[in-house]
Protein backbone atom coordinates (compact mmCIF):
# COMPACT_ATOMS: atom_id res chain seq x y z
CA MET A 1 97.56 107.42 178.24
CA ALA A 2 99.33 110.67 178.47
CA TYR A 3 100.55 112.67 175.55
CA SER A 4 104.31 113.15 175.49
CA ALA A 5 105.51 116.52 174.35
CA ALA A 6 109.02 115.20 173.68
CA PRO A 7 109.84 115.25 170.02
CA ARG A 8 110.43 111.95 168.26
CA HIS A 9 113.59 111.35 166.32
CA ILE A 10 112.84 111.78 162.60
CA PRO A 11 115.67 110.86 160.24
CA ALA A 12 117.09 113.89 158.44
CA MET A 13 116.15 114.26 154.82
CA THR A 14 119.44 114.75 153.03
CA PHE A 15 120.02 115.17 149.33
CA ASP A 16 122.17 112.45 147.86
CA PRO A 17 123.23 113.40 144.32
CA ASN A 18 124.23 109.83 143.39
CA ARG A 19 120.81 108.52 144.38
CA ALA A 20 118.99 111.27 142.46
CA ARG A 21 121.13 110.69 139.37
CA GLY A 22 120.15 107.05 139.37
CA ARG A 23 116.46 108.00 139.11
CA ARG A 24 116.97 110.61 136.41
CA ALA A 25 119.19 108.50 134.17
CA PRO A 26 116.45 106.30 132.63
CA ILE A 27 114.31 109.38 131.91
CA ALA A 28 117.25 111.20 130.27
CA LEU A 29 118.12 108.10 128.27
CA ALA A 30 114.52 107.74 127.05
CA LEU A 31 114.41 111.42 126.03
CA CYS A 32 117.68 111.15 124.16
CA CYS A 33 116.49 108.03 122.27
CA ALA A 34 113.27 109.74 121.32
CA LEU A 35 115.14 112.81 120.06
CA ALA A 36 117.59 110.63 118.11
CA ALA A 37 114.68 108.78 116.50
CA GLN A 38 113.20 112.09 115.39
CA ILE A 39 116.46 113.34 113.94
CA ILE A 40 117.06 110.10 112.08
CA GLY A 41 113.57 110.16 110.70
CA VAL A 42 114.04 113.64 109.35
CA ALA A 43 117.52 112.92 107.92
CA HIS A 44 116.21 109.84 106.02
CA ALA A 45 113.53 111.90 104.27
CA ASP A 46 113.13 111.60 100.50
CA GLY A 47 116.62 111.58 99.16
CA MET A 48 118.94 109.32 97.17
CA ARG A 49 122.70 109.29 97.20
CA CYS A 50 124.61 108.57 94.00
CA GLY A 51 128.23 108.32 94.97
CA SER A 52 128.89 111.55 96.88
CA ARG A 53 125.99 113.42 95.28
CA LEU A 54 122.44 113.77 96.63
CA VAL A 55 119.20 113.81 94.65
CA ARG A 56 116.13 115.11 96.45
CA GLU A 57 112.51 115.84 95.76
CA GLY A 58 112.13 118.88 93.53
CA ASP A 59 115.20 118.14 91.38
CA THR A 60 114.70 117.89 87.63
CA ARG A 61 114.87 114.79 85.48
CA SER A 62 118.09 116.02 83.81
CA THR A 63 119.74 116.61 87.22
CA LEU A 64 118.85 113.06 88.26
CA ARG A 65 120.32 111.67 85.01
CA ASP A 66 123.48 113.75 85.36
CA LEU A 67 124.07 112.74 88.96
CA CYS A 68 123.03 109.07 88.87
CA GLY A 69 123.35 108.02 85.23
CA GLU A 70 120.87 106.03 83.20
CA PRO A 71 118.35 103.97 85.16
CA THR A 72 118.03 100.19 84.89
CA ASP A 73 114.31 100.39 84.15
CA VAL A 74 111.93 103.16 83.05
CA GLN A 75 108.14 102.90 83.14
CA THR A 76 105.97 105.65 81.65
CA ARG A 77 102.44 106.42 82.67
CA THR A 78 100.07 109.45 82.77
CA ILE A 79 97.83 110.86 85.44
CA LEU A 80 94.88 113.27 85.19
CA ARG A 81 94.86 116.45 87.30
CA ARG A 82 92.78 119.62 87.47
CA PRO A 83 94.57 122.61 86.04
CA TYR A 84 95.91 125.04 88.67
CA TYR A 85 98.26 127.97 89.14
CA ASP A 86 100.23 129.20 92.12
CA PHE A 87 99.02 132.59 93.36
CA GLN A 88 101.33 133.98 96.09
CA GLY A 89 101.99 130.54 97.53
CA ARG A 90 98.38 129.32 97.36
CA ILE A 91 97.20 126.79 94.77
CA VAL A 92 94.19 127.98 92.85
CA TYR A 93 92.26 125.50 90.67
CA TYR A 94 90.44 126.71 87.56
CA GLY A 95 88.26 125.08 84.92
CA ASP A 96 86.33 121.87 84.99
CA GLY A 97 88.56 119.84 82.71
CA LEU A 98 91.48 117.54 83.49
CA VAL A 99 95.04 117.81 82.17
CA GLU A 100 97.14 114.74 81.34
CA ILE A 101 100.48 114.80 83.17
CA PRO A 102 103.37 112.46 82.30
CA VAL A 103 104.74 110.26 85.10
CA GLU A 104 107.96 108.27 84.79
CA ILE A 105 109.14 105.67 87.31
CA TRP A 106 112.88 105.07 87.15
CA THR A 107 114.44 102.10 88.93
CA TYR A 108 118.13 102.15 89.82
CA ASN A 109 119.94 98.89 90.51
CA PHE A 110 123.30 99.67 92.12
CA GLY A 111 124.37 95.98 92.39
CA PRO A 112 123.92 93.09 94.78
CA TYR A 113 125.49 94.79 97.81
CA LYS A 114 123.45 98.03 97.67
CA LEU A 115 119.73 98.80 97.91
CA MET A 116 117.75 99.55 94.76
CA ARG A 117 115.90 102.86 94.43
CA ARG A 118 112.63 103.71 92.62
CA VAL A 119 112.30 107.39 91.69
CA ARG A 120 108.88 108.80 90.63
CA ILE A 121 109.14 111.76 88.28
CA VAL A 122 105.96 113.80 87.72
CA ASP A 123 105.99 116.37 84.92
CA GLY A 124 109.81 116.35 84.81
CA ILE A 125 110.35 116.88 88.55
CA VAL A 126 111.44 114.28 91.14
CA ASP A 127 108.31 113.62 93.25
CA ASP A 128 109.22 110.59 95.38
CA VAL A 129 112.21 108.37 96.16
CA GLU A 130 111.46 104.84 97.40
CA THR A 131 113.99 102.34 98.76
CA LEU A 132 113.58 98.76 97.56
CA GLY A 133 115.44 95.55 98.47
CA TYR A 134 118.99 94.63 97.53
CA GLY A 135 119.90 94.75 93.87
CA HIS A 136 121.22 92.04 91.62
CA ARG A 137 123.91 91.60 88.98
CA VAL A 138 122.99 92.81 85.53
CA SER A 139 125.35 92.26 82.64
CA GLU A 140 125.75 95.18 80.24
CA GLY A 141 124.15 93.27 77.36
CA ALA A 142 121.14 92.29 79.46
CA ARG A 143 119.96 95.84 80.31
CA PRO A 144 116.39 96.34 79.18
CA GLU A 145 115.49 99.04 76.67
CA PRO A 146 114.09 102.21 78.27
CA GLY A 147 110.34 101.92 78.69
CA ARG A 148 110.31 98.14 78.98
CA ASP A 149 109.59 96.23 82.17
CA ALA A 150 112.57 93.99 82.97
CA TYR A 151 110.59 91.89 85.47
CA ARG A 152 107.94 90.94 82.94
CA ASP A 153 110.51 90.25 80.21
CA THR A 154 112.53 88.00 82.48
CA TYR A 155 109.70 86.03 84.13
CA LYS A 156 107.17 85.45 81.30
């Protein structure tokens, strides 16, 4: 068998932009979805809207009350923490004792068509905002006194 020096016909490699776009589209879509999920996750972070106003972590108890009104339920507790001070942005603990810190948990019921919110206030500062399920109707005369647990009073 003799070797033929004649070149074989090899199909030309041409660039087809429509064909390449078809391969890149799923990758671009996946990247856009991942980016959108990151943005939504960041936008959702630790805030509560009362009408057109926004309450966030770090706001004071009085700011929360001014923007959102009186809560439906208030629970009061205390936690124990080591005493500390802030030295140029670094937390420095001192002493061996513990300090009692007041913690209030305010629950807002905005009605049956909106989600309820639970706000944790530590030492007068909003520490956490949690979204609960849908609210319920509460007549004005049936509102519990501050500091009482409405769930326990209703379902004894």
